[in-house]
Amino acid sequence: MCGRLNVISDPLSKAVCQQLGIEFSVHENRDLCPTQQVSVVGQIHDKLTQMDFSWGIKPEWATQLIINAQAETVNVKPTFRQAFRLNRVVVPVSGWYEWTTKAQRGKQKWLFDSADQDALYMAAIAFTSANSLVTITTKPSIPYAQYRHRMPLLIAPSMVRAWLECENDALRLLSCDLPLVLRVSAVN
């Protein structure tokens, strides 16, 4: 369910600048938590730009902070529908963390990152009036299902503009399985 992000300023900032052709600079945070500020790439007047949002929303009806929306329903659920239609963004990250329960007591923390240490682009939607966002999750690819029942919806660098610009393309990307090899490392 992706509840922590890993943001390493270098090489992440350089990779985003090279891949998307924009100025992008992030503050390093190797354990970015919900409610903290996260840098994203969005679009304003047809131009890619960096923006910062707080991770998570708390609608009046909610008892807890909502940090993720499911790809299967994000475009139809009333809470997310308008943000999906109007305010899609990507969250460039170095990786993210998941936890599994150990056979003995406790939990094991796992870092998911790119095998070639490239930037990963997580799909998200922004709630501009609240200056906040939620990330979008999907069913995990087969190699990663042993760790969690959900994983972030990842967008290929070549498809970032399609995700941001065109709702029909974004709808198609909701069900795409990005053929990406992730490295999974145990974290002590």
C-alpha atoms as a PDB file:
ATOM      1  CA  MET A   1       0.000   0.000   0.000  1.00  0.00           C
ATOM      2  CA  CYS A   2       2.957   2.411  -0.272  1.00  0.00           C
ATOM      3  CA  GLY A   3       3.007   4.453   2.900  1.00  0.00           C
ATOM      4  CA  ARG A   4       6.559   5.818   2.755  1.00  0.00           C
ATOM      5  CA  LEU A   5       8.632   7.279  -0.066  1.00  0.00           C
ATOM      6  CA  ASN A   6      12.377   7.386  -0.639  1.00  0.00           C
ATOM      7  CA  VAL A   7      13.543  10.646  -2.235  1.00  0.00           C
ATOM      8  CA  ILE A   8      17.281  10.947  -2.870  1.00  0.00           C
ATOM      9  CA  SER A   9      17.958  14.389  -4.339  1.00  0.00           C
ATOM     10  CA  ASP A  10      20.869  13.260  -6.496  1.00  0.00           C
ATOM     11  CA  PRO A  11      20.415  11.404  -8.865  1.00  0.00           C
ATOM     12  CA  LEU A  12      16.617  11.956  -8.761  1.00  0.00           C
ATOM     13  CA  SER A  13      16.697  15.671  -9.599  1.00  0.00           C
ATOM     14  CA  LYS A  14      19.122  15.111 -12.489  1.00  0.00           C
ATOM     15  CA  ALA A  15      17.117  12.201 -13.885  1.00  0.00           C
ATOM     16  CA  VAL A  16      13.851  14.179 -13.886  1.00  0.00           C
ATOM     17  CA  CYS A  17      15.565  17.169 -15.525  1.00  0.00           C
ATOM     18  CA  GLN A  18      17.031  14.945 -18.256  1.00  0.00           C
ATOM     19  CA  GLN A  19      13.987  12.747 -18.843  1.00  0.00           C
ATOM     20  CA  LEU A  20      11.299  15.435 -18.744  1.00  0.00           C
ATOM     21  CA  GLY A  21      13.295  18.498 -19.792  1.00  0.00           C
ATOM     22  CA  ILE A  22      12.321  20.648 -16.806  1.00  0.00           C
ATOM     23  CA  GLU A  23      14.037  22.210 -13.828  1.00  0.00           C
ATOM     24  CA  PHE A  24      13.406  19.922 -10.872  1.00  0.00           C
ATOM     25  CA  SER A  25      15.012  20.045  -7.459  1.00  0.00           C
ATOM     26  CA  VAL A  26      13.942  18.070  -4.408  1.00  0.00           C
ATOM     27  CA  HIS A  27      14.923  18.021  -0.770  1.00  0.00           C
ATOM     28  CA  GLU A  28      16.315  14.673   0.227  1.00  0.00           C
ATOM     29  CA  ASN A  29      14.053  12.608   2.456  1.00  0.00           C
ATOM     30  CA  ARG A  30      14.760   8.901   2.617  1.00  0.00           C
ATOM     31  CA  ASP A  31      11.617   8.241   4.660  1.00  0.00           C
ATOM     32  CA  LEU A  32       8.955  10.673   3.423  1.00  0.00           C
ATOM     33  CA  CYS A  33       5.728  10.104   5.358  1.00  0.00           C
ATOM     34  CA  PRO A  34       2.102  11.015   4.707  1.00  0.00           C
ATOM     35  CA  THR A  35       1.295  14.651   5.624  1.00  0.00           C
ATOM     36  CA  GLN A  36       4.785  15.755   4.548  1.00  0.00           C
ATOM     37  CA  GLN A  37       5.427  17.883   1.465  1.00  0.00           C
ATOM     38  CA  VAL A  38       6.230  15.969  -1.710  1.00  0.00           C
ATOM     39  CA  SER A  39       7.480  17.461  -4.982  1.00  0.00           C
ATOM     40  CA  VAL A  40       5.532  16.524  -8.088  1.00  0.00           C
ATOM     41  CA  VAL A  41       5.479  17.251 -11.799  1.00  0.00           C
ATOM     42  CA  GLY A  42       2.244  18.707 -13.081  1.00  0.00           C
ATOM     43  CA  GLN A  43       1.149  20.818 -15.973  1.00  0.00           C
ATOM     44  CA  ILE A  44       0.205  24.488 -15.995  1.00  0.00           C
ATOM     45  CA  HIS A  45      -0.765  26.111 -19.312  1.00  0.00           C
ATOM     46  CA  ASP A  46       0.663  23.168 -21.292  1.00  0.00           C
ATOM     47  CA  LYS A  47       4.025  23.450 -19.534  1.00  0.00           C
ATOM     48  CA  LEU A  48       5.497  20.822 -17.220  1.00  0.00           C
ATOM     49  CA  THR A  49       6.326  22.336 -13.859  1.00  0.00           C
ATOM     50  CA  GLN A  50       7.392  21.334 -10.366  1.00  0.00           C
ATOM     51  CA  MET A  51       4.840  21.769  -7.591  1.00  0.00           C
ATOM     52  CA  ASP A  52       4.760  20.789  -3.925  1.00  0.00           C
ATOM     53  CA  PHE A  53       1.787  19.203  -2.179  1.00  0.00           C
ATOM     54  CA  SER A  54       1.098  17.606   1.171  1.00  0.00           C
ATOM     55  CA  TRP A  55       0.677  13.830   0.872  1.00  0.00           C
ATOM     56  CA  GLY A  56      -2.824  12.780   1.907  1.00  0.00           C
ATOM     57  CA  ILE A  57      -6.340  14.184   2.145  1.00  0.00           C
ATOM     58  CA  LYS A  58      -8.911  14.082   4.933  1.00  0.00           C
ATOM     59  CA  PRO A  59     -12.418  14.676   3.620  1.00  0.00           C
ATOM     60  CA  GLU A  60     -15.029  15.665   6.207  1.00  0.00           C
ATOM     61  CA  TRP A  61     -16.535  12.180   6.195  1.00  0.00           C
ATOM     62  CA  ALA A  62     -13.196  10.360   6.647  1.00  0.00           C
ATOM     63  CA  THR A  63     -11.943   9.158  10.007  1.00  0.00           C
ATOM     64  CA  GLN A  64      -8.384   8.713   8.738  1.00  0.00           C
ATOM     65  CA  LEU A  65      -6.058  10.377   6.275  1.00  0.00           C
ATOM     66  CA  ILE A  66      -6.419   8.982   2.746  1.00  0.00           C
ATOM     67  CA  ILE A  67      -3.046   8.633   1.021  1.00  0.00           C
ATOM     68  CA  ASN A  68      -3.867   6.255  -1.845  1.00  0.00           C
ATOM     69  CA  ALA A  69      -6.636   5.783  -4.397  1.00  0.00           C
ATOM     70  CA  GLN A  70      -7.177   2.572  -6.337  1.00  0.00           C
ATOM     71  CA  ALA A  71      -6.518   2.681 -10.080  1.00  0.00           C
ATOM     72  CA  GLU A  72      -9.607   0.555 -10.679  1.00  0.00           C
ATOM     73  CA  THR A  73     -11.976   3.189  -9.217  1.00  0.00           C
ATOM     74  CA  VAL A  74     -10.132   6.534  -9.054  1.00  0.00           C
ATOM     75  CA  ASN A  75     -11.991   7.918 -12.077  1.00  0.00           C
ATOM     76  CA  VAL A  76     -15.475   7.080 -10.750  1.00  0.00           C
ATOM     77  CA  LYS A  77     -15.396   7.470  -6.956  1.00  0.00           C
ATOM     78  CA  PRO A  78     -16.867  10.835  -5.955  1.00  0.00           C
ATOM     79  CA  THR A  79     -13.917  11.667  -3.689  1.00  0.00           C
ATOM     80  CA  PHE A  80     -11.397  11.345  -6.523  1.00  0.00           C
ATOM     81  CA  ARG A  81     -13.311  11.786  -9.782  1.00  0.00           C
ATOM     82  CA  GLN A  82     -12.822  15.535 -10.279  1.00  0.00           C
ATOM     83  CA  ALA A  83      -9.151  15.507  -9.275  1.00  0.00           C
ATOM     84  CA  PHE A  84      -8.572  12.634 -11.702  1.00  0.00           C
ATOM     85  CA  ARG A  85     -10.269  14.540 -14.476  1.00  0.00           C
ATOM     86  CA  LEU A  86      -8.502  17.862 -13.878  1.00  0.00           C
ATOM     87  CA  ASN A  87      -5.375  17.478 -11.736  1.00  0.00           C
ATOM     88  CA  ARG A  88      -3.280  14.450 -12.576  1.00  0.00           C
ATOM     89  CA  VAL A  89       0.368  14.681 -11.496  1.00  0.00           C
ATOM     90  CA  VAL A  90       3.361  12.362 -11.157  1.00  0.00           C
ATOM     91  CA  VAL A  91       5.491  11.977  -8.056  1.00  0.00           C
ATOM     92  CA  PRO A  92       9.134  11.346  -8.991  1.00  0.00           C
ATOM     93  CA  VAL A  93      10.741   9.124  -6.363  1.00  0.00           C
ATOM     94  CA  SER A  94      13.894   7.105  -5.893  1.00  0.00           C
ATOM     95  CA  GLY A  95      11.796   4.316  -4.400  1.00  0.00           C
ATOM     96  CA  TRP A  96       9.177   3.425  -1.823  1.00  0.00           C
ATOM     97  CA  TYR A  97       8.840   1.149   1.184  1.00  0.00           C
ATOM     98  CA  GLU A  98       6.564  -1.737   2.061  1.00  0.00           C
ATOM     99  CA  TRP A  99       6.422  -3.913   5.172  1.00  0.00           C
ATOM    100  CA  THR A 100       5.770  -7.622   5.575  1.00  0.00           C
ATOM    101  CA  THR A 101       5.095  -9.540   8.773  1.00  0.00           C
ATOM    102  CA  LYS A 102       7.955 -11.804   9.815  1.00  0.00           C
ATOM    103  CA  ALA A 103       7.414 -15.382  10.963  1.00  0.00           C
ATOM    104  CA  GLN A 104       8.790 -14.262  14.312  1.00  0.00           C
ATOM    105  CA  ARG A 105       7.529 -11.069  15.878  1.00  0.00           C
ATOM    106  CA  GLY A 106       7.857  -7.794  14.084  1.00  0.00           C
ATOM    107  CA  LYS A 107       7.855  -6.577  10.553  1.00  0.00           C
ATOM    108  CA  GLN A 108      10.385  -6.456   7.743  1.00  0.00           C
ATOM    109  CA  LYS A 109      10.810  -3.203   5.843  1.00  0.00           C
ATOM    110  CA  TRP A 110      11.503  -3.483   2.088  1.00  0.00           C
ATOM    111  CA  LEU A 111      12.805  -0.825  -0.298  1.00  0.00           C
ATOM    112  CA  PHE A 112      11.487  -0.959  -3.853  1.00  0.00           C
ATOM    113  CA  ASP A 113      13.589   1.004  -6.331  1.00  0.00           C
ATOM    114  CA  SER A 114      14.679   0.919  -9.948  1.00  0.00           C
ATOM    115  CA  ALA A 115      17.246  -1.771 -10.700  1.00  0.00           C
ATOM    116  CA  ASP A 116      19.201   0.815 -12.717  1.00  0.00           C
ATOM    117  CA  GLN A 117      18.707   3.528 -10.048  1.00  0.00           C
ATOM    118  CA  ASP A 118      16.552   5.603 -12.388  1.00  0.00           C
ATOM    119  CA  ALA A 119      13.677   7.864 -11.355  1.00  0.00           C
ATOM    120  CA  LEU A 120      10.303   6.225 -10.796  1.00  0.00           C
ATOM    121  CA  TYR A 121       7.152   8.215 -11.612  1.00  0.00           C
ATOM    122  CA  MET A 122       4.191   7.399  -9.395  1.00  0.00           C
ATOM    123  CA  ALA A 123       0.753   8.383 -10.687  1.00  0.00           C
ATOM    124  CA  ALA A 124      -1.130  10.746  -8.389  1.00  0.00           C
ATOM    125  CA  ILE A 125      -3.985  13.235  -8.311  1.00  0.00           C
ATOM    126  CA  ALA A 126      -3.835  16.665  -6.735  1.00  0.00           C
ATOM    127  CA  PHE A 127      -6.474  18.467  -4.719  1.00  0.00           C
ATOM    128  CA  THR A 128      -5.309  21.996  -5.434  1.00  0.00           C
ATOM    129  CA  SER A 129      -7.744  23.755  -3.084  1.00  0.00           C
ATOM    130  CA  ALA A 130      -6.324  21.717  -0.182  1.00  0.00           C
ATOM    131  CA  ASN A 131      -2.743  21.765  -1.531  1.00  0.00           C
ATOM    132  CA  SER A 132      -2.641  17.987  -1.143  1.00  0.00           C
ATOM    133  CA  LEU A 133      -2.483  14.812  -3.190  1.00  0.00           C
ATOM    134  CA  VAL A 134      -3.085  11.084  -3.119  1.00  0.00           C
ATOM    135  CA  THR A 135      -1.009   8.523  -4.951  1.00  0.00           C
ATOM    136  CA  ILE A 136      -2.649   5.868  -7.102  1.00  0.00           C
ATOM    137  CA  THR A 137      -2.129   2.176  -6.447  1.00  0.00           C
ATOM    138  CA  THR A 138      -2.766  -0.883  -8.572  1.00  0.00           C
ATOM    139  CA  LYS A 139      -2.513  -4.652  -8.281  1.00  0.00           C
ATOM    140  CA  PRO A 140       1.154  -5.622  -8.057  1.00  0.00           C
ATOM    141  CA  SER A 141       3.082  -7.259 -10.855  1.00  0.00           C
ATOM    142  CA  ILE A 142       3.624 -10.962 -10.177  1.00  0.00           C
ATOM    143  CA  PRO A 143       7.186 -10.713  -8.800  1.00  0.00           C
ATOM    144  CA  TYR A 144       6.079  -8.126  -6.219  1.00  0.00           C
ATOM    145  CA  ALA A 145       2.778  -9.645  -5.065  1.00  0.00           C
ATOM    146  CA  GLN A 146       4.550 -11.563  -2.283  1.00  0.00           C
ATOM    147  CA  TYR A 147       5.258  -8.255  -0.522  1.00  0.00           C
ATOM    148  CA  ARG A 148       1.917  -6.467  -0.725  1.00  0.00           C
ATOM    149  CA  HIS A 149      -1.505  -6.671  -2.368  1.00  0.00           C
ATOM    150  CA  ARG A 150      -1.118  -3.163  -3.887  1.00  0.00           C
ATOM    151  CA  MET A 151       1.742  -1.186  -5.391  1.00  0.00           C
ATOM    152  CA  PRO A 152       2.072   2.314  -6.845  1.00  0.00           C
ATOM    153  CA  LEU A 153       0.858   2.829 -10.395  1.00  0.00           C
ATOM    154  CA  LEU A 154       4.095   3.667 -12.198  1.00  0.00           C
ATOM    155  CA  ILE A 155       4.181   5.806 -15.339  1.00  0.00           C
ATOM    156  CA  ALA A 156       7.001   5.432 -17.885  1.00  0.00           C
ATOM    157  CA  PRO A 157       8.955   8.666 -18.476  1.00  0.00           C
ATOM    158  CA  SER A 158       7.819   8.602 -22.112  1.00  0.00           C
ATOM    159  CA  MET A 159       4.168   8.529 -20.975  1.00  0.00           C
ATOM    160  CA  VAL A 160       4.256  11.312 -18.362  1.00  0.00           C
ATOM    161  CA  ARG A 161       2.861  13.918 -20.781  1.00  0.00           C
ATOM    162  CA  ALA A 162       0.094  11.532 -21.867  1.00  0.00           C
ATOM    163  CA  TRP A 163      -0.841  10.977 -18.201  1.00  0.00           C
ATOM    164  CA  LEU A 164      -0.938  14.706 -17.516  1.00  0.00           C
ATOM    165  CA  GLU A 165      -2.540  15.963 -20.743  1.00  0.00           C
ATOM    166  CA  CYS A 166      -5.173  13.510 -21.909  1.00  0.00           C
ATOM    167  CA  GLU A 167      -7.876  11.924 -19.775  1.00  0.00           C
ATOM    168  CA  ASN A 168      -8.404   9.102 -22.302  1.00  0.00           C
ATOM    169  CA  ASP A 169      -4.685   8.267 -22.257  1.00  0.00           C
ATOM    170  CA  ALA A 170      -4.723   8.453 -18.464  1.00  0.00           C
ATOM    171  CA  LEU A 171      -7.649   6.012 -18.369  1.00  0.00           C
ATOM    172  CA  ARG A 172      -5.647   3.562 -20.497  1.00  0.00           C
ATOM    173  CA  LEU A 173      -2.589   3.966 -18.268  1.00  0.00           C
ATOM    174  CA  LEU A 174      -4.659   3.022 -15.210  1.00  0.00           C
ATOM    175  CA  SER A 175      -4.682  -0.572 -16.432  1.00  0.00           C
ATOM    176  CA  CYS A 176      -1.177  -0.761 -17.936  1.00  0.00           C
ATOM    177  CA  ASP A 177       1.427  -2.964 -16.341  1.00  0.00           C
ATOM    178  CA  LEU A 178       4.703  -1.113 -16.803  1.00  0.00           C
ATOM    179  CA  PRO A 179       7.353  -3.707 -17.754  1.00  0.00           C
ATOM    180  CA  LEU A 180       9.860  -2.442 -15.229  1.00  0.00           C
ATOM    181  CA  VAL A 181      12.380  -4.424 -13.244  1.00  0.00           C
ATOM    182  CA  LEU A 182      12.402  -3.259  -9.654  1.00  0.00           C
ATOM    183  CA  ARG A 183      15.036  -4.059  -7.096  1.00  0.00           C
ATOM    184  CA  VAL A 184      13.662  -5.146  -3.720  1.00  0.00           C
ATOM    185  CA  SER A 185      16.034  -4.828  -0.760  1.00  0.00           C
ATOM    186  CA  ALA A 186      15.529  -5.642   2.897  1.00  0.00           C
ATOM    187  CA  VAL A 187      16.038  -2.602   5.134  1.00  0.00           C
ATOM    188  CA  ASN A 188      17.279  -3.037   8.692  1.00  0.00           C
END
